[in-house]
Amino acid sequence: NAGFVWLVLLVPLALIGWFGLNNLKTVSPNIGSTGAAMGKVLTL
């Protein structure tokens, strides 16, 4: 349960983050598409 318990929090947090967070174009002007940006995260 030490591992499983975090799923109760992580799944809803992932949904909330997807709909509630923002990208600031003044800070990140050249991020491209969402898929491309996430590909950079996974690669690095």
All heavy atoms as atom14 arrays in JSON, in Angstrom:
{
  "sequence": "NAGFVWLVLLVPLALIGWFGLNNLKTVSPNIGSTGAAMGKVLTL",
  "atom14_mask": [
    [1, 1, 1, 1, 1, 1, 1, 1, 0, 0, 0, 0, 0, 0],
    [1, 1, 1, 1, 1, 0, 0, 0, 0, 0, 0, 0, 0, 0],
    [1, 1, 1, 1, 0, 0, 0, 0, 0, 0, 0, 0, 0, 0],
    [1, 1, 1, 1, 1, 1, 1, 1, 1, 1, 1, 0, 0, 0],
    [1, 1, 1, 1, 1, 1, 1, 0, 0, 0, 0, 0, 0, 0],
    [1, 1, 1, 1, 1, 1, 1, 1, 1, 1, 1, 1, 1, 1],
    [1, 1, 1, 1, 1, 1, 1, 1, 0, 0, 0, 0, 0, 0],
    [1, 1, 1, 1, 1, 1, 1, 0, 0, 0, 0, 0, 0, 0],
    [1, 1, 1, 1, 1, 1, 1, 1, 0, 0, 0, 0, 0, 0],
    [1, 1, 1, 1, 1, 1, 1, 1, 0, 0, 0, 0, 0, 0],
    [1, 1, 1, 1, 1, 1, 1, 0, 0, 0, 0, 0, 0, 0],
    [1, 1, 1, 1, 1, 1, 1, 0, 0, 0, 0, 0, 0, 0],
    [1, 1, 1, 1, 1, 1, 1, 1, 0, 0, 0, 0, 0, 0],
    [1, 1, 1, 1, 1, 0, 0, 0, 0, 0, 0, 0, 0, 0],
    [1, 1, 1, 1, 1, 1, 1, 1, 0, 0, 0, 0, 0, 0],
    [1, 1, 1, 1, 1, 1, 1, 1, 0, 0, 0, 0, 0, 0],
    [1, 1, 1, 1, 0, 0, 0, 0, 0, 0, 0, 0, 0, 0],
    [1, 1, 1, 1, 1, 1, 1, 1, 1, 1, 1, 1, 1, 1],
    [1, 1, 1, 1, 1, 1, 1, 1, 1, 1, 1, 0, 0, 0],
    [1, 1, 1, 1, 0, 0, 0, 0, 0, 0, 0, 0, 0, 0],
    [1, 1, 1, 1, 1, 1, 1, 1, 0, 0, 0, 0, 0, 0],
    [1, 1, 1, 1, 1, 1, 1, 1, 0, 0, 0, 0, 0, 0],
    [1, 1, 1, 1, 1, 1, 1, 1, 0, 0, 0, 0, 0, 0],
    [1, 1, 1, 1, 1, 1, 1, 1, 0, 0, 0, 0, 0, 0],
    [1, 1, 1, 1, 1, 1, 1, 1, 1, 0, 0, 0, 0, 0],
    [1, 1, 1, 1, 1, 1, 1, 0, 0, 0, 0, 0, 0, 0],
    [1, 1, 1, 1, 1, 1, 1, 0, 0, 0, 0, 0, 0, 0],
    [1, 1, 1, 1, 1, 1, 0, 0, 0, 0, 0, 0, 0, 0],
    [1, 1, 1, 1, 1, 1, 1, 0, 0, 0, 0, 0, 0, 0],
    [1, 1, 1, 1, 1, 1, 1, 1, 0, 0, 0, 0, 0, 0],
    [1, 1, 1, 1, 1, 1, 1, 1, 0, 0, 0, 0, 0, 0],
    [1, 1, 1, 1, 0, 0, 0, 0, 0, 0, 0, 0, 0, 0],
    [1, 1, 1, 1, 1, 1, 0, 0, 0, 0, 0, 0, 0, 0],
    [1, 1, 1, 1, 1, 1, 1, 0, 0, 0, 0, 0, 0, 0],
    [1, 1, 1, 1, 0, 0, 0, 0, 0, 0, 0, 0, 0, 0],
    [1, 1, 1, 1, 1, 0, 0, 0, 0, 0, 0, 0, 0, 0],
    [1, 1, 1, 1, 1, 0, 0, 0, 0, 0, 0, 0, 0, 0],
    [1, 1, 1, 1, 1, 1, 1, 1, 0, 0, 0, 0, 0, 0],
    [1, 1, 1, 1, 0, 0, 0, 0, 0, 0, 0, 0, 0, 0],
    [1, 1, 1, 1, 1, 1, 1, 1, 1, 0, 0, 0, 0, 0],
    [1, 1, 1, 1, 1, 1, 1, 0, 0, 0, 0, 0, 0, 0],
    [1, 1, 1, 1, 1, 1, 1, 1, 0, 0, 0, 0, 0, 0],
    [1, 1, 1, 1, 1, 1, 1, 0, 0, 0, 0, 0, 0, 0],
    [1, 1, 1, 1, 1, 1, 1, 1, 0, 0, 0, 0, 0, 0]
  ],
  "atom14_positions": [
    [[0.82, -1.22, 0.0], [0.0, 0.0, 0.0], [0.85, 1.26, 0.0], [0.37, 2.34, -0.35], [-0.93, 0.01, 1.21], [-2.04, -1.02, 1.1], [-2.2, -1.67, 0.07], [-2.78, -1.22, 2.18], [0.0, 0.0, 0.0], [0.0, 0.0, 0.0], [0.0, 0.0, 0.0], [0.0, 0.0, 0.0], [0.0, 0.0, 0.0], [0.0, 0.0, 0.0]],
    [[2.12, 1.13, 0.39], [3.02, 2.28, 0.38], [3.19, 2.84, -1.02], [3.48, 4.03, -1.19], [4.39, 1.86, 0.93], [0.0, 0.0, 0.0], [0.0, 0.0, 0.0], [0.0, 0.0, 0.0], [0.0, 0.0, 0.0], [0.0, 0.0, 0.0], [0.0, 0.0, 0.0], [0.0, 0.0, 0.0], [0.0, 0.0, 0.0], [0.0, 0.0, 0.0]],
    [[3.03, 2.02, -2.05], [3.07, 2.5, -3.42], [1.7, 2.84, -3.95], [1.48, 3.9, -4.55], [0.0, 0.0, 0.0], [0.0, 0.0, 0.0], [0.0, 0.0, 0.0], [0.0, 0.0, 0.0], [0.0, 0.0, 0.0], [0.0, 0.0, 0.0], [0.0, 0.0, 0.0], [0.0, 0.0, 0.0], [0.0, 0.0, 0.0], [0.0, 0.0, 0.0]],
    [[0.73, 1.95, -3.72], [-0.6, 2.12, -4.29], [-1.31, 3.39, -3.79], [-2.11, 3.99, -4.52], [-1.48, 0.91, -3.97], [-1.05, -0.35, -4.66], [-1.15, -1.59, -4.02], [-0.53, -0.32, -5.95], [-0.75, -2.76, -4.65], [-0.13, -1.5, -6.6], [-0.24, -2.7, -5.94], [0.0, 0.0, 0.0], [0.0, 0.0, 0.0], [0.0, 0.0, 0.0]],
    [[-1.04, 3.81, -2.56], [-1.8, 4.91, -1.97], [-1.65, 6.21, -2.76], [-2.57, 7.04, -2.81], [-1.4, 5.12, -0.49], [0.03, 5.66, -0.38], [-2.37, 6.05, 0.21], [0.0, 0.0, 0.0], [0.0, 0.0, 0.0], [0.0, 0.0, 0.0], [0.0, 0.0, 0.0], [0.0, 0.0, 0.0], [0.0, 0.0, 0.0], [0.0, 0.0, 0.0]],
    [[-0.51, 6.41, -3.43], [-0.28, 7.67, -4.13], [-1.12, 7.78, -5.4], [-1.35, 8.88, -5.9], [1.2, 7.84, -4.44], [2.01, 7.71, -3.2], [2.9, 6.73, -2.87], [1.94, 8.56, -2.04], [3.4, 6.92, -1.61], [2.83, 8.04, -1.07], [1.22, 9.73, -1.74], [3.0, 8.63, 0.17], [1.4, 10.31, -0.5], [2.28, 9.77, 0.44]],
    [[-1.6, 6.65, -5.9], [-2.46, 6.7, -7.09], [-3.76, 7.43, -6.81], [-4.34, 8.06, -7.7], [-2.75, 5.27, -7.58], [-1.54, 4.42, -7.96], [-1.98, 3.02, -8.34], [-0.76, 5.06, -9.09], [0.0, 0.0, 0.0], [0.0, 0.0, 0.0], [0.0, 0.0, 0.0], [0.0, 0.0, 0.0], [0.0, 0.0, 0.0], [0.0, 0.0, 0.0]],
    [[-4.22, 7.35, -5.57], [-5.46, 8.03, -5.18], [-5.33, 9.54, -5.36], [-6.31, 10.23, -5.67], [-5.81, 7.69, -3.71], [-7.06, 8.43, -3.26], [-5.99, 6.18, -3.55], [0.0, 0.0, 0.0], [0.0, 0.0, 0.0], [0.0, 0.0, 0.0], [0.0, 0.0, 0.0], [0.0, 0.0, 0.0], [0.0, 0.0, 0.0], [0.0, 0.0, 0.0]],
    [[-4.12, 10.07, -5.18], [-3.89, 11.51, -5.33], [-3.42, 11.87, -6.73], [-3.81, 12.91, -7.29], [-2.85, 11.97, -4.31], [-3.21, 11.78, -2.84], [-2.01, 12.13, -1.96], [-4.41, 12.62, -2.46], [0.0, 0.0, 0.0], [0.0, 0.0, 0.0], [0.0, 0.0, 0.0], [0.0, 0.0, 0.0], [0.0, 0.0, 0.0], [0.0, 0.0, 0.0]],
    [[-2.59, 11.03, -7.34], [-1.94, 11.39, -8.59], [-2.92, 11.43, -9.77], [-2.8, 12.3, -10.65], [-0.81, 10.41, -8.89], [0.42, 10.54, -8.0], [1.36, 9.37, -8.21], [1.13, 11.86, -8.27], [0.0, 0.0, 0.0], [0.0, 0.0, 0.0], [0.0, 0.0, 0.0], [0.0, 0.0, 0.0], [0.0, 0.0, 0.0], [0.0, 0.0, 0.0]],
    [[-3.85, 10.51, -9.81], [-4.78, 10.49, -10.95], [-5.63, 11.75, -11.01], [-5.7, 12.42, -12.05], [-5.65, 9.21, -10.91], [-6.73, 9.27, -11.97], [-4.78, 7.97, -11.11], [0.0, 0.0, 0.0], [0.0, 0.0, 0.0], [0.0, 0.0, 0.0], [0.0, 0.0, 0.0], [0.0, 0.0, 0.0], [0.0, 0.0, 0.0], [0.0, 0.0, 0.0]],
    [[-6.3, 12.18, -9.92], [-7.05, 13.44, -10.01], [-6.17, 14.66, -10.2], [-6.55, 15.62, -10.88], [-7.81, 13.51, -8.67], [-7.12, 12.56, -7.77], [-6.55, 11.49, -8.63], [0.0, 0.0, 0.0], [0.0, 0.0, 0.0], [0.0, 0.0, 0.0], [0.0, 0.0, 0.0], [0.0, 0.0, 0.0], [0.0, 0.0, 0.0], [0.0, 0.0, 0.0]],
    [[-4.97, 14.65, -9.62], [-4.07, 15.79, -9.81], [-3.65, 15.95, -11.25], [-3.5, 17.08, -11.76], [-2.83, 15.63, -8.92], [-2.94, 16.13, -7.48], [-1.69, 15.76, -6.71], [-3.18, 17.64, -7.45], [0.0, 0.0, 0.0], [0.0, 0.0, 0.0], [0.0, 0.0, 0.0], [0.0, 0.0, 0.0], [0.0, 0.0, 0.0], [0.0, 0.0, 0.0]],
    [[-3.47, 14.83, -11.95], [-3.12, 14.9, -13.36], [-4.25, 15.57, -14.15], [-4.0, 16.39, -15.04], [-2.84, 13.51, -13.91], [0.0, 0.0, 0.0], [0.0, 0.0, 0.0], [0.0, 0.0, 0.0], [0.0, 0.0, 0.0], [0.0, 0.0, 0.0], [0.0, 0.0, 0.0], [0.0, 0.0, 0.0], [0.0, 0.0, 0.0], [0.0, 0.0, 0.0]],
    [[-5.49, 15.25, -13.83], [-6.63, 15.87, -14.52], [-6.72, 17.36, -14.2], [-6.93, 18.19, -15.09], [-7.92, 15.16, -14.11], [-8.08, 13.71, -14.6], [-9.31, 13.08, -13.97], [-8.17, 13.67, -16.11], [0.0, 0.0, 0.0], [0.0, 0.0, 0.0], [0.0, 0.0, 0.0], [0.0, 0.0, 0.0], [0.0, 0.0, 0.0], [0.0, 0.0, 0.0]],
    [[-6.57, 17.7, -12.93], [-6.65, 19.11, -12.52], [-5.55, 19.93, -13.18], [-5.76, 21.04, -13.67], [-6.58, 19.23, -10.99], [-7.82, 18.6, -10.35], [-6.45, 20.69, -10.56], [-7.72, 18.45, -8.84], [0.0, 0.0, 0.0], [0.0, 0.0, 0.0], [0.0, 0.0, 0.0], [0.0, 0.0, 0.0], [0.0, 0.0, 0.0], [0.0, 0.0, 0.0]],
    [[-4.33, 19.38, -13.22], [-3.23, 20.09, -13.83], [-3.43, 20.32, -15.32], [-3.09, 21.38, -15.85], [0.0, 0.0, 0.0], [0.0, 0.0, 0.0], [0.0, 0.0, 0.0], [0.0, 0.0, 0.0], [0.0, 0.0, 0.0], [0.0, 0.0, 0.0], [0.0, 0.0, 0.0], [0.0, 0.0, 0.0], [0.0, 0.0, 0.0], [0.0, 0.0, 0.0]],
    [[-3.97, 19.34, -16.0], [-4.2, 19.47, -17.45], [-5.14, 20.63, -17.77], [-4.91, 21.38, -18.71], [-4.78, 18.17, -17.98], [-5.09, 18.19, -19.45], [-6.3, 18.41, -20.03], [-4.16, 18.02, -20.52], [-6.19, 18.36, -21.41], [-4.9, 18.13, -21.73], [-2.8, 17.77, -20.58], [-4.29, 18.0, -22.99], [-2.19, 17.65, -21.83], [-2.94, 17.76, -23.01]],
    [[-6.18, 20.79, -16.96], [-7.18, 21.82, -17.25], [-6.92, 23.14, -16.54], [-7.46, 24.17, -16.93], [-8.58, 21.31, -16.87], [-9.08, 20.2, -17.75], [-9.12, 18.89, -17.28], [-9.49, 20.46, -19.05], [-9.56, 17.86, -18.08], [-9.95, 19.43, -19.87], [-9.99, 18.12, -19.39], [0.0, 0.0, 0.0], [0.0, 0.0, 0.0], [0.0, 0.0, 0.0]],
    [[-6.09, 23.14, -15.47], [-5.96, 24.36, -14.67], [-4.67, 25.12, -14.78], [-4.6, 26.29, -14.39], [0.0, 0.0, 0.0], [0.0, 0.0, 0.0], [0.0, 0.0, 0.0], [0.0, 0.0, 0.0], [0.0, 0.0, 0.0], [0.0, 0.0, 0.0], [0.0, 0.0, 0.0], [0.0, 0.0, 0.0], [0.0, 0.0, 0.0], [0.0, 0.0, 0.0]],
    [[-3.59, 24.5, -15.31], [-2.3, 25.16, -15.39], [-2.15, 25.97, -16.68], [-2.91, 25.78, -17.63], [-1.17, 24.13, -15.29], [-1.05, 23.41, -13.95], [-0.09, 22.22, -14.05], [-0.59, 24.37, -12.86], [0.0, 0.0, 0.0], [0.0, 0.0, 0.0], [0.0, 0.0, 0.0], [0.0, 0.0, 0.0], [0.0, 0.0, 0.0], [0.0, 0.0, 0.0]],
    [[-1.15, 26.84, -16.71], [-0.92, 27.7, -17.87], [0.53, 27.67, -18.34], [1.45, 27.5, -17.54], [-1.28, 29.15, -17.54], [-2.74, 29.32, -17.19], [-3.09, 29.47, -16.03], [-3.6, 29.28, -18.19], [0.0, 0.0, 0.0], [0.0, 0.0, 0.0], [0.0, 0.0, 0.0], [0.0, 0.0, 0.0], [0.0, 0.0, 0.0], [0.0, 0.0, 0.0]],
    [[0.71, 27.87, -19.65], [2.01, 28.19, -20.23], [2.08, 29.7, -20.43], [1.12, 30.3, -20.93], [2.19, 27.53, -21.61], [2.13, 26.02, -21.54], [2.75, 25.4, -20.69], [1.37, 25.42, -22.46], [0.0, 0.0, 0.0], [0.0, 0.0, 0.0], [0.0, 0.0, 0.0], [0.0, 0.0, 0.0], [0.0, 0.0, 0.0], [0.0, 0.0, 0.0]],
    [[3.17, 30.33, -20.02], [3.37, 31.76, -20.24], [4.2, 31.95, -21.51], [5.39, 31.6, -21.53], [4.07, 32.4, -19.04], [3.34, 32.34, -17.7], [4.18, 33.01, -16.62], [1.96, 32.97, -17.8], [0.0, 0.0, 0.0], [0.0, 0.0, 0.0], [0.0, 0.0, 0.0], [0.0, 0.0, 0.0], [0.0, 0.0, 0.0], [0.0, 0.0, 0.0]],
    [[3.58, 32.48, -22.56], [4.29, 32.64, -23.82], [5.38, 33.7, -23.74], [6.31, 33.69, -24.54], [3.31, 32.98, -24.94], [2.23, 31.94, -25.18], [2.84, 30.61, -25.64], [3.29, 30.65, -27.09], [3.71, 29.33, -27.58], [0.0, 0.0, 0.0], [0.0, 0.0, 0.0], [0.0, 0.0, 0.0], [0.0, 0.0, 0.0], [0.0, 0.0, 0.0]],
    [[5.28, 34.6, -22.77], [6.36, 35.58, -22.58], [7.61, 34.91, -22.03], [8.73, 35.42, -22.2], [5.91, 36.68, -21.61], [5.43, 36.08, -20.4], [4.81, 37.53, -22.22], [0.0, 0.0, 0.0], [0.0, 0.0, 0.0], [0.0, 0.0, 0.0], [0.0, 0.0, 0.0], [0.0, 0.0, 0.0], [0.0, 0.0, 0.0], [0.0, 0.0, 0.0]],
    [[7.44, 33.78, -21.37], [8.56, 33.03, -20.8], [8.99, 31.9, -21.75], [10.18, 31.63, -21.92], [8.18, 32.44, -19.43], [9.28, 31.54, -18.87], [7.86, 33.55, -18.44], [0.0, 0.0, 0.0], [0.0, 0.0, 0.0], [0.0, 0.0, 0.0], [0.0, 0.0, 0.0], [0.0, 0.0, 0.0], [0.0, 0.0, 0.0], [0.0, 0.0, 0.0]],
    [[8.0, 31.25, -22.37], [8.26, 30.09, -23.23], [7.65, 30.34, -24.61], [6.61, 29.77, -24.96], [7.65, 28.83, -22.62], [7.9, 28.76, -21.24], [0.0, 0.0, 0.0], [0.0, 0.0, 0.0], [0.0, 0.0, 0.0], [0.0, 0.0, 0.0], [0.0, 0.0, 0.0], [0.0, 0.0, 0.0], [0.0, 0.0, 0.0], [0.0, 0.0, 0.0]],
    [[8.27, 31.2, -25.44], [7.64, 31.61, -26.7], [7.72, 30.56, -27.8], [6.96, 30.64, -28.77], [8.44, 32.86, -27.09], [9.77, 32.68, -26.46], [9.51, 31.95, -25.17], [0.0, 0.0, 0.0], [0.0, 0.0, 0.0], [0.0, 0.0, 0.0], [0.0, 0.0, 0.0], [0.0, 0.0, 0.0], [0.0, 0.0, 0.0], [0.0, 0.0, 0.0]],
    [[8.61, 29.58, -27.69], [8.83, 28.66, -28.81], [8.66, 27.2, -28.4], [9.46, 26.34, -28.78], [10.25, 28.87, -29.37], [10.48, 30.28, -29.85], [9.7, 30.83, -30.61], [11.56, 30.89, -29.38], [0.0, 0.0, 0.0], [0.0, 0.0, 0.0], [0.0, 0.0, 0.0], [0.0, 0.0, 0.0], [0.0, 0.0, 0.0], [0.0, 0.0, 0.0]],
    [[7.59, 26.92, -27.67], [7.42, 25.55, -27.18], [6.82, 24.62, -28.23], [6.91, 23.41, -28.11], [6.55, 25.52, -25.9], [5.19, 26.17, -26.15], [7.27, 26.18, -24.75], [4.27, 26.11, -24.93], [0.0, 0.0, 0.0], [0.0, 0.0, 0.0], [0.0, 0.0, 0.0], [0.0, 0.0, 0.0], [0.0, 0.0, 0.0], [0.0, 0.0, 0.0]],
    [[6.21, 25.18, -29.28], [5.59, 24.34, -30.29], [4.32, 23.7, -29.79], [3.65, 24.19, -28.88], [0.0, 0.0, 0.0], [0.0, 0.0, 0.0], [0.0, 0.0, 0.0], [0.0, 0.0, 0.0], [0.0, 0.0, 0.0], [0.0, 0.0, 0.0], [0.0, 0.0, 0.0], [0.0, 0.0, 0.0], [0.0, 0.0, 0.0], [0.0, 0.0, 0.0]],
    [[3.97, 22.54, -30.36], [2.76, 21.84, -29.97], [2.93, 21.2, -28.6], [4.05, 20.99, -28.12], [2.41, 20.76, -30.99], [3.39, 19.73, -30.96], [0.0, 0.0, 0.0], [0.0, 0.0, 0.0], [0.0, 0.0, 0.0], [0.0, 0.0, 0.0], [0.0, 0.0, 0.0], [0.0, 0.0, 0.0], [0.0, 0.0, 0.0], [0.0, 0.0, 0.0]],
    [[1.8, 20.85, -27.98], [1.85, 20.19, -26.68], [2.59, 18.86, -26.76], [3.42, 18.53, -25.9], [0.42, 19.96, -26.14], [-0.22, 21.23, -25.99], [0.45, 19.25, -24.79], [0.0, 0.0, 0.0], [0.0, 0.0, 0.0], [0.0, 0.0, 0.0], [0.0, 0.0, 0.0], [0.0, 0.0, 0.0], [0.0, 0.0, 0.0], [0.0, 0.0, 0.0]],
    [[2.32, 18.1, -27.82], [2.99, 16.81, -27.98], [4.49, 16.95, -28.14], [5.27, 16.18, -27.55], [0.0, 0.0, 0.0], [0.0, 0.0, 0.0], [0.0, 0.0, 0.0], [0.0, 0.0, 0.0], [0.0, 0.0, 0.0], [0.0, 0.0, 0.0], [0.0, 0.0, 0.0], [0.0, 0.0, 0.0], [0.0, 0.0, 0.0], [0.0, 0.0, 0.0]],
    [[4.91, 17.95, -28.93], [6.35, 18.17, -29.13], [7.02, 18.58, -27.82], [8.13, 18.13, -27.51], [6.57, 19.23, -30.2], [0.0, 0.0, 0.0], [0.0, 0.0, 0.0], [0.0, 0.0, 0.0], [0.0, 0.0, 0.0], [0.0, 0.0, 0.0], [0.0, 0.0, 0.0], [0.0, 0.0, 0.0], [0.0, 0.0, 0.0], [0.0, 0.0, 0.0]],
    [[6.34, 19.44, -27.05], [6.91, 19.89, -25.78], [7.07, 18.71, -24.82], [8.11, 18.57, -24.15], [6.01, 20.96, -25.16], [0.0, 0.0, 0.0], [0.0, 0.0, 0.0], [0.0, 0.0, 0.0], [0.0, 0.0, 0.0], [0.0, 0.0, 0.0], [0.0, 0.0, 0.0], [0.0, 0.0, 0.0], [0.0, 0.0, 0.0], [0.0, 0.0, 0.0]],
    [[6.07, 17.85, -24.76], [6.15, 16.7, -23.86], [7.21, 15.71, -24.34], [7.86, 15.04, -23.52], [4.79, 16.03, -23.74], [3.78, 16.91, -23.04], [2.18, 16.1, -22.84], [1.26, 17.42, -22.01], [0.0, 0.0, 0.0], [0.0, 0.0, 0.0], [0.0, 0.0, 0.0], [0.0, 0.0, 0.0], [0.0, 0.0, 0.0], [0.0, 0.0, 0.0]],
    [[7.41, 15.62, -25.64], [8.46, 14.77, -26.17], [9.83, 15.23, -25.7], [10.72, 14.41, -25.4], [0.0, 0.0, 0.0], [0.0, 0.0, 0.0], [0.0, 0.0, 0.0], [0.0, 0.0, 0.0], [0.0, 0.0, 0.0], [0.0, 0.0, 0.0], [0.0, 0.0, 0.0], [0.0, 0.0, 0.0], [0.0, 0.0, 0.0], [0.0, 0.0, 0.0]],
    [[10.04, 16.54, -25.61], [11.31, 17.08, -25.11], [11.52, 16.69, -23.64], [12.62, 16.32, -23.23], [11.33, 18.59, -25.26], [11.24, 19.1, -26.69], [11.06, 20.62, -26.72], [10.72, 21.11, -28.11], [10.42, 22.58, -28.12], [0.0, 0.0, 0.0], [0.0, 0.0, 0.0], [0.0, 0.0, 0.0], [0.0, 0.0, 0.0], [0.0, 0.0, 0.0]],
    [[10.45, 16.79, -22.85], [10.55, 16.41, -21.43], [10.95, 14.95, -21.3], [11.88, 14.61, -20.56], [9.2, 16.66, -20.71], [9.25, 16.08, -19.29], [8.89, 18.14, -20.64], [0.0, 0.0, 0.0], [0.0, 0.0, 0.0], [0.0, 0.0, 0.0], [0.0, 0.0, 0.0], [0.0, 0.0, 0.0], [0.0, 0.0, 0.0], [0.0, 0.0, 0.0]],
    [[10.28, 14.07, -22.03], [10.55, 12.64, -21.93], [11.96, 12.31, -22.4], [12.66, 11.48, -21.79], [9.52, 11.86, -22.75], [8.07, 11.91, -22.24], [7.14, 11.24, -23.23], [7.96, 11.26, -20.87], [0.0, 0.0, 0.0], [0.0, 0.0, 0.0], [0.0, 0.0, 0.0], [0.0, 0.0, 0.0], [0.0, 0.0, 0.0], [0.0, 0.0, 0.0]],
    [[12.41, 12.96, -23.47], [13.75, 12.69, -24.0], [14.83, 13.09, -23.0], [15.76, 12.32, -22.71], [13.97, 13.43, -25.32], [13.01, 12.98, -26.28], [15.38, 13.19, -25.86], [0.0, 0.0, 0.0], [0.0, 0.0, 0.0], [0.0, 0.0, 0.0], [0.0, 0.0, 0.0], [0.0, 0.0, 0.0], [0.0, 0.0, 0.0], [0.0, 0.0, 0.0]],
    [[14.71, 14.29, -22.45], [15.75, 14.79, -21.54], [15.71, 14.05, -20.2], [16.75, 13.82, -19.58], [15.6, 16.29, -21.35], [15.85, 17.12, -22.62], [15.6, 18.6, -22.36], [17.26, 16.91, -23.14], [0.0, 0.0, 0.0], [0.0, 0.0, 0.0], [0.0, 0.0, 0.0], [0.0, 0.0, 0.0], [0.0, 0.0, 0.0], [0.0, 0.0, 0.0]]
  ]
}
